Amino acid sequence: LFSETVWDQAVAFAKTLPRPFVAMHIRRGDQLAKGLVDPHRSLEKAAELLNRVVLRTGSKAVFLMTDMQNRNDLARLNASLRHTRGFRRIPSQRLWQREVQDMFWEMAVATLADYFVSS
């Protein structure tokens, strides 16, 4: 499913995360640009959902996949994760410009997560 390079990098990264961990995908950039979501309400709902999952599962960390570009939103979301060590997000080398390989790498990490949440 994934190239050996992408898979090996994902496995190595996943080993650095405390278990159990949750992978979460939050669509923000494209949905906001199209006016399909309220920026504040959708962020609050995502944080609420994520916190419920973290509490139910006893997860110790969150791996976040998102096209969210607003650093304040990212900081607010991270601060809301009071029951974990926060999320880990590894941006592309060119900040906020997504490479195809980065997206495959994130998907590979998500398959290694103990739990997955999409919003």
Foldseek 3Di string as FASTA:
>chain_A
DDDPVLLVVLVVVLVVADPQEEEEEEEDDVCVVVVNDDVVVSLVVVLVVVLVVCVVVVGAEYEYHYLDDDVVSQVVSQVSNPSYNGYDYDADPPGSDDDPSVVVSSVSNNVVHPYYYYD
